[in-house]
């Protein structure tokens, strides 16, 4: 995986985790939504990396 893609996945994941932390104090359901989005982003990064490795 290129460094730019790694940085993109890491940055988006961190932003979603920060949003989860902020949303905990406001709305529990919104925090759950951000948590699921963060986990989906992390998982999609691993899936993308595995597919690129498989293509080589």
PDB file of N, CA and C in Angstrom:
ATOM      1  N   UNK A   1       0.856  -1.171   0.000  1.00  0.00           N
ATOM      2  CA  UNK A   1       0.000   0.000   0.000  1.00  0.00           C
ATOM      3  C   UNK A   1       0.904   1.237   0.000  1.00  0.00           C
ATOM      4  N   UNK A   2       0.516   2.228  -0.759  1.00  0.00           N
ATOM      5  CA  UNK A   2       1.321   3.441  -0.826  1.00  0.00           C
ATOM      6  C   UNK A   2       1.206   4.228   0.482  1.00  0.00           C
ATOM      7  N   UNK A   3       2.163   5.094   0.686  1.00  0.00           N
ATOM      8  CA  UNK A   3       2.176   5.892   1.915  1.00  0.00           C
ATOM      9  C   UNK A   3       0.992   6.847   1.977  1.00  0.00           C
ATOM     10  N   UNK A   4       0.565   7.351   0.827  1.00  0.00           N
ATOM     11  CA  UNK A   4      -0.572   8.274   0.801  1.00  0.00           C
ATOM     12  C   UNK A   4      -1.864   7.572   1.202  1.00  0.00           C
ATOM     13  N   UNK A   5      -2.041   6.333   0.708  1.00  0.00           N
ATOM     14  CA  UNK A   5      -3.251   5.578   1.086  1.00  0.00           C
ATOM     15  C   UNK A   5      -3.220   5.207   2.560  1.00  0.00           C
ATOM     16  N   UNK A   6      -2.056   4.836   3.067  1.00  0.00           N
ATOM     17  CA  UNK A   6      -1.930   4.520   4.485  1.00  0.00           C
ATOM     18  C   UNK A   6      -2.267   5.734   5.334  1.00  0.00           C
ATOM     19  N   UNK A   7      -1.755   6.878   4.927  1.00  0.00           N
ATOM     20  CA  UNK A   7      -2.032   8.109   5.659  1.00  0.00           C
ATOM     21  C   UNK A   7      -3.515   8.459   5.607  1.00  0.00           C
ATOM     22  N   UNK A   8      -4.140   8.240   4.462  1.00  0.00           N
ATOM     23  CA  UNK A   8      -5.567   8.517   4.325  1.00  0.00           C
ATOM     24  C   UNK A   8      -6.396   7.643   5.264  1.00  0.00           C
ATOM     25  N   UNK A   9      -6.151   6.334   5.243  1.00  0.00           N
ATOM     26  CA  UNK A   9      -6.902   5.439   6.117  1.00  0.00           C
ATOM     27  C   UNK A   9      -6.651   5.764   7.588  1.00  0.00           C
ATOM     28  N   UNK A  10      -5.412   6.050   7.949  1.00  0.00           N
ATOM     29  CA  UNK A  10      -5.095   6.362   9.339  1.00  0.00           C
ATOM     30  C   UNK A  10      -5.753   7.670   9.775  1.00  0.00           C
ATOM     31  N   UNK A  11      -5.703   8.680   8.923  1.00  0.00           N
ATOM     32  CA  UNK A  11      -6.280   9.981   9.275  1.00  0.00           C
ATOM     33  C   UNK A  11      -7.798   9.902   9.427  1.00  0.00           C
ATOM     34  N   UNK A  12      -8.449   9.237   8.495  1.00  0.00           N
ATOM     35  CA  UNK A  12      -9.905   9.104   8.576  1.00  0.00           C
ATOM     36  C   UNK A  12     -10.301   8.308   9.812  1.00  0.00           C
ATOM     37  N   UNK A  13      -9.548   7.265  10.119  1.00  0.00           N
ATOM     38  CA  UNK A  13      -9.850   6.458  11.301  1.00  0.00           C
ATOM     39  C   UNK A  13      -9.695   7.266  12.586  1.00  0.00           C
ATOM     40  N   UNK A  14      -8.632   8.042  12.667  1.00  0.00           N
ATOM     41  CA  UNK A  14      -8.411   8.866  13.857  1.00  0.00           C
ATOM     42  C   UNK A  14      -9.495   9.922  13.990  1.00  0.00           C
ATOM     43  N   UNK A  15      -9.881  10.545  12.897  1.00  0.00           N
ATOM     44  CA  UNK A  15     -10.950  11.547  12.953  1.00  0.00           C
ATOM     45  C   UNK A  15     -12.274  10.926  13.398  1.00  0.00           C
ATOM     46  N   UNK A  16     -12.565   9.720  12.926  1.00  0.00           N
ATOM     47  CA  UNK A  16     -13.792   9.052  13.347  1.00  0.00           C
ATOM     48  C   UNK A  16     -13.734   8.652  14.823  1.00  0.00           C
ATOM     49  N   UNK A  17     -12.552   8.272  15.309  1.00  0.00           N
ATOM     50  CA  UNK A  17     -12.416   7.946  16.732  1.00  0.00           C
ATOM     51  C   UNK A  17     -12.562   9.188  17.604  1.00  0.00           C
ATOM     52  N   UNK A  18     -12.043  10.311  17.138  1.00  0.00           N
ATOM     53  CA  UNK A  18     -12.218  11.569  17.871  1.00  0.00           C
ATOM     54  C   UNK A  18     -13.692  11.962  17.886  1.00  0.00           C
ATOM     55  N   UNK A  19     -14.362  11.792  16.754  1.00  0.00           N
ATOM     56  CA  UNK A  19     -15.795  12.087  16.689  1.00  0.00           C
ATOM     57  C   UNK A  19     -16.573  11.179  17.632  1.00  0.00           C
ATOM     58  N   UNK A  20     -16.144   9.933  17.758  1.00  0.00           N
ATOM     59  CA  UNK A  20     -16.794   9.012  18.692  1.00  0.00           C
ATOM     60  C   UNK A  20     -16.624   9.504  20.115  1.00  0.00           C
ATOM     61  N   UNK A  21     -15.421   9.938  20.463  1.00  0.00           N
ATOM     62  CA  UNK A  21     -15.160  10.423  21.820  1.00  0.00           C
ATOM     63  C   UNK A  21     -15.989  11.659  22.146  1.00  0.00           C
ATOM     64  N   UNK A  22     -16.124  12.558  21.188  1.00  0.00           N
ATOM     65  CA  UNK A  22     -16.917  13.773  21.406  1.00  0.00           C
ATOM     66  C   UNK A  22     -18.401  13.428  21.491  1.00  0.00           C
ATOM     67  N   UNK A  23     -18.841  12.503  20.651  1.00  0.00           N
ATOM     68  CA  UNK A  23     -20.259  12.154  20.603  1.00  0.00           C
ATOM     69  C   UNK A  23     -20.720  11.401  21.846  1.00  0.00           C
ATOM     70  N   UNK A  24     -19.802  10.789  22.581  1.00  0.00           N
ATOM     71  CA  UNK A  24     -20.185  10.055  23.800  1.00  0.00           C
ATOM     72  C   UNK A  24     -20.879  10.985  24.782  1.00  0.00           C
ATOM     73  N   UNK A  25     -20.407  12.214  24.894  1.00  0.00           N
ATOM     74  CA  UNK A  25     -20.994  13.136  25.859  1.00  0.00           C
ATOM     75  C   UNK A  25     -22.309  13.755  25.367  1.00  0.00           C
ATOM     76  N   UNK A  26     -22.583  13.664  24.088  1.00  0.00           N
ATOM     77  CA  UNK A  26     -23.802  14.256  23.556  1.00  0.00           C
ATOM     78  C   UNK A  26     -24.907  13.244  23.306  1.00  0.00           C
ATOM     79  N   UNK A  27     -24.592  12.198  22.567  1.00  0.00           N
ATOM     80  CA  UNK A  27     -25.629  11.255  22.169  1.00  0.00           C
ATOM     81  C   UNK A  27     -25.003   9.864  22.028  1.00  0.00           C
ATOM     82  N   UNK A  28     -25.537   8.904  22.761  1.00  0.00           N
ATOM     83  CA  UNK A  28     -24.997   7.550  22.743  1.00  0.00           C
ATOM     84  C   UNK A  28     -25.139   6.868  21.398  1.00  0.00           C
ATOM     85  N   UNK A  29     -26.280   7.084  20.747  1.00  0.00           N
ATOM     86  CA  UNK A  29     -26.512   6.437  19.445  1.00  0.00           C
ATOM     87  C   UNK A  29     -25.578   6.996  18.384  1.00  0.00           C
ATOM     88  N   UNK A  30     -25.321   8.267  18.457  1.00  0.00           N
ATOM     89  CA  UNK A  30     -24.391   8.882  17.512  1.00  0.00           C
ATOM     90  C   UNK A  30     -22.978   8.357  17.744  1.00  0.00           C
ATOM     91  N   UNK A  31     -22.631   8.139  19.005  1.00  0.00           N
ATOM     92  CA  UNK A  31     -21.319   7.579  19.328  1.00  0.00           C
ATOM     93  C   UNK A  31     -21.187   6.162  18.771  1.00  0.00           C
ATOM     94  N   UNK A  32     -22.249   5.382  18.870  1.00  0.00           N
ATOM     95  CA  UNK A  32     -22.234   4.023  18.322  1.00  0.00           C
ATOM     96  C   UNK A  32     -22.066   4.071  16.807  1.00  0.00           C
ATOM     97  N   UNK A  33     -22.738   5.008  16.161  1.00  0.00           N
ATOM     98  CA  UNK A  33     -22.616   5.156  14.708  1.00  0.00           C
ATOM     99  C   UNK A  33     -21.182   5.486  14.307  1.00  0.00           C
ATOM    100  N   UNK A  34     -20.568   6.451  15.003  1.00  0.00           N
ATOM    101  CA  UNK A  34     -19.185   6.813  14.692  1.00  0.00           C
ATOM    102  C   UNK A  34     -18.231   5.661  14.988  1.00  0.00           C
ATOM    103  N   UNK A  35     -18.505   4.900  16.036  1.00  0.00           N
ATOM    104  CA  UNK A  35     -17.672   3.745  16.354  1.00  0.00           C
ATOM    105  C   UNK A  35     -17.736   2.706  15.237  1.00  0.00           C
ATOM    106  N   UNK A  36     -18.923   2.428  14.749  1.00  0.00           N
ATOM    107  CA  UNK A  36     -19.074   1.465  13.653  1.00  0.00           C
ATOM    108  C   UNK A  36     -18.405   1.961  12.376  1.00  0.00           C
ATOM    109  N   UNK A  37     -18.514   3.260  12.119  1.00  0.00           N
ATOM    110  CA  UNK A  37     -17.841   3.825  10.941  1.00  0.00           C
ATOM    111  C   UNK A  37     -16.322   3.737  11.075  1.00  0.00           C
ATOM    112  N   UNK A  38     -15.801   3.973  12.267  1.00  0.00           N
ATOM    113  CA  UNK A  38     -14.359   3.878  12.493  1.00  0.00           C
ATOM    114  C   UNK A  38     -13.884   2.439  12.289  1.00  0.00           C
ATOM    115  N   UNK A  39     -14.623   1.485  12.826  1.00  0.00           N
ATOM    116  CA  UNK A  39     -14.253   0.078  12.650  1.00  0.00           C
ATOM    117  C   UNK A  39     -14.336  -0.339  11.184  1.00  0.00           C
ATOM    118  N   UNK A  40     -15.332   0.168  10.469  1.00  0.00           N
ATOM    119  CA  UNK A  40     -15.464  -0.143   9.045  1.00  0.00           C
ATOM    120  C   UNK A  40     -14.300   0.448   8.252  1.00  0.00           C
ATOM    121  N   UNK A  41     -13.868   1.632   8.625  1.00  0.00           N
ATOM    122  CA  UNK A  41     -12.743   2.267   7.933  1.00  0.00           C
ATOM    123  C   UNK A  41     -11.456   1.487   8.178  1.00  0.00           C
ATOM    124  N   UNK A  42     -11.234   1.067   9.407  1.00  0.00           N
ATOM    125  CA  UNK A  42     -10.038   0.284   9.727  1.00  0.00           C
ATOM    126  C   UNK A  42     -10.057  -1.046   8.988  1.00  0.00           C
ATOM    127  N   UNK A  43     -11.218  -1.694   9.004  1.00  0.00           N
ATOM    128  CA  UNK A  43     -11.337  -2.985   8.315  1.00  0.00           C
ATOM    129  C   UNK A  43     -11.144  -2.833   6.809  1.00  0.00           C
ATOM    130  N   UNK A  44     -11.684  -1.770   6.237  1.00  0.00           N
ATOM    131  CA  UNK A  44     -11.529  -1.573   4.798  1.00  0.00           C
ATOM    132  C   UNK A  44     -10.069  -1.311   4.436  1.00  0.00           C
ATOM    133  N   UNK A  45      -9.313  -0.683   5.316  1.00  0.00           N
ATOM    134  CA  UNK A  45      -7.884  -0.498   5.080  1.00  0.00           C
ATOM    135  C   UNK A  45      -7.142  -1.822   5.034  1.00  0.00           C
ATOM    136  N   UNK A  46      -7.482  -2.729   5.955  1.00  0.00           N
ATOM    137  CA  UNK A  46      -6.863  -4.049   5.941  1.00  0.00           C
ATOM    138  C   UNK A  46      -7.274  -4.849   4.704  1.00  0.00           C
ATOM    139  N   UNK A  47      -8.523  -4.742   4.323  1.00  0.00           N
ATOM    140  CA  UNK A  47      -9.003  -5.449   3.129  1.00  0.00           C
ATOM    141  C   UNK A  47      -8.300  -4.927   1.877  1.00  0.00           C
ATOM    142  N   UNK A  48      -8.182  -3.618   1.772  1.00  0.00           N
ATOM    143  CA  UNK A  48      -7.508  -2.999   0.624  1.00  0.00           C
ATOM    144  C   UNK A  48      -6.053  -3.454   0.541  1.00  0.00           C
ATOM    145  N   UNK A  49      -5.379  -3.484   1.695  1.00  0.00           N
ATOM    146  CA  UNK A  49      -3.983  -3.915   1.737  1.00  0.00           C
ATOM    147  C   UNK A  49      -3.848  -5.381   1.323  1.00  0.00           C
ATOM    148  N   UNK A  50      -4.756  -6.218   1.785  1.00  0.00           N
ATOM    149  CA  UNK A  50      -4.697  -7.643   1.443  1.00  0.00           C
ATOM    150  C   UNK A  50      -4.943  -7.861  -0.048  1.00  0.00           C
ATOM    151  N   UNK A  51      -5.871  -7.117  -0.620  1.00  0.00           N
ATOM    152  CA  UNK A  51      -6.148  -7.266  -2.058  1.00  0.00           C
ATOM    153  C   UNK A  51      -4.965  -6.792  -2.903  1.00  0.00           C
ATOM    154  N   UNK A  52      -4.312  -5.716  -2.472  1.00  0.00           N
ATOM    155  CA  UNK A  52      -3.143  -5.259  -3.220  1.00  0.00           C
ATOM    156  C   UNK A  52      -2.013  -6.284  -3.130  1.00  0.00           C
ATOM    157  N   UNK A  53      -1.846  -6.870  -1.957  1.00  0.00           N
ATOM    158  CA  UNK A  53      -0.801  -7.874  -1.779  1.00  0.00           C
ATOM    159  C   UNK A  53      -1.109  -9.121  -2.611  1.00  0.00           C
ATOM    160  N   UNK A  54      -2.382  -9.466  -2.727  1.00  0.00           N
ATOM    161  CA  UNK A  54      -2.776 -10.646  -3.489  1.00  0.00           C
ATOM    162  C   UNK A  54      -2.566 -10.430  -4.990  1.00  0.00           C
ATOM    163  N   UNK A  55      -2.725  -9.205  -5.462  1.00  0.00           N
ATOM    164  CA  UNK A  55      -2.567  -8.907  -6.882  1.00  0.00           C
ATOM    165  C   UNK A  55      -1.116  -8.967  -7.322  1.00  0.00           C
ATOM    166  N   UNK A  56      -0.186  -8.757  -6.420  1.00  0.00           N
ATOM    167  CA  UNK A  56       1.241  -8.736  -6.789  1.00  0.00           C
ATOM    168  C   UNK A  56       1.805 -10.085  -7.006  1.00  0.00           C
TER     169      UNK A  56
END
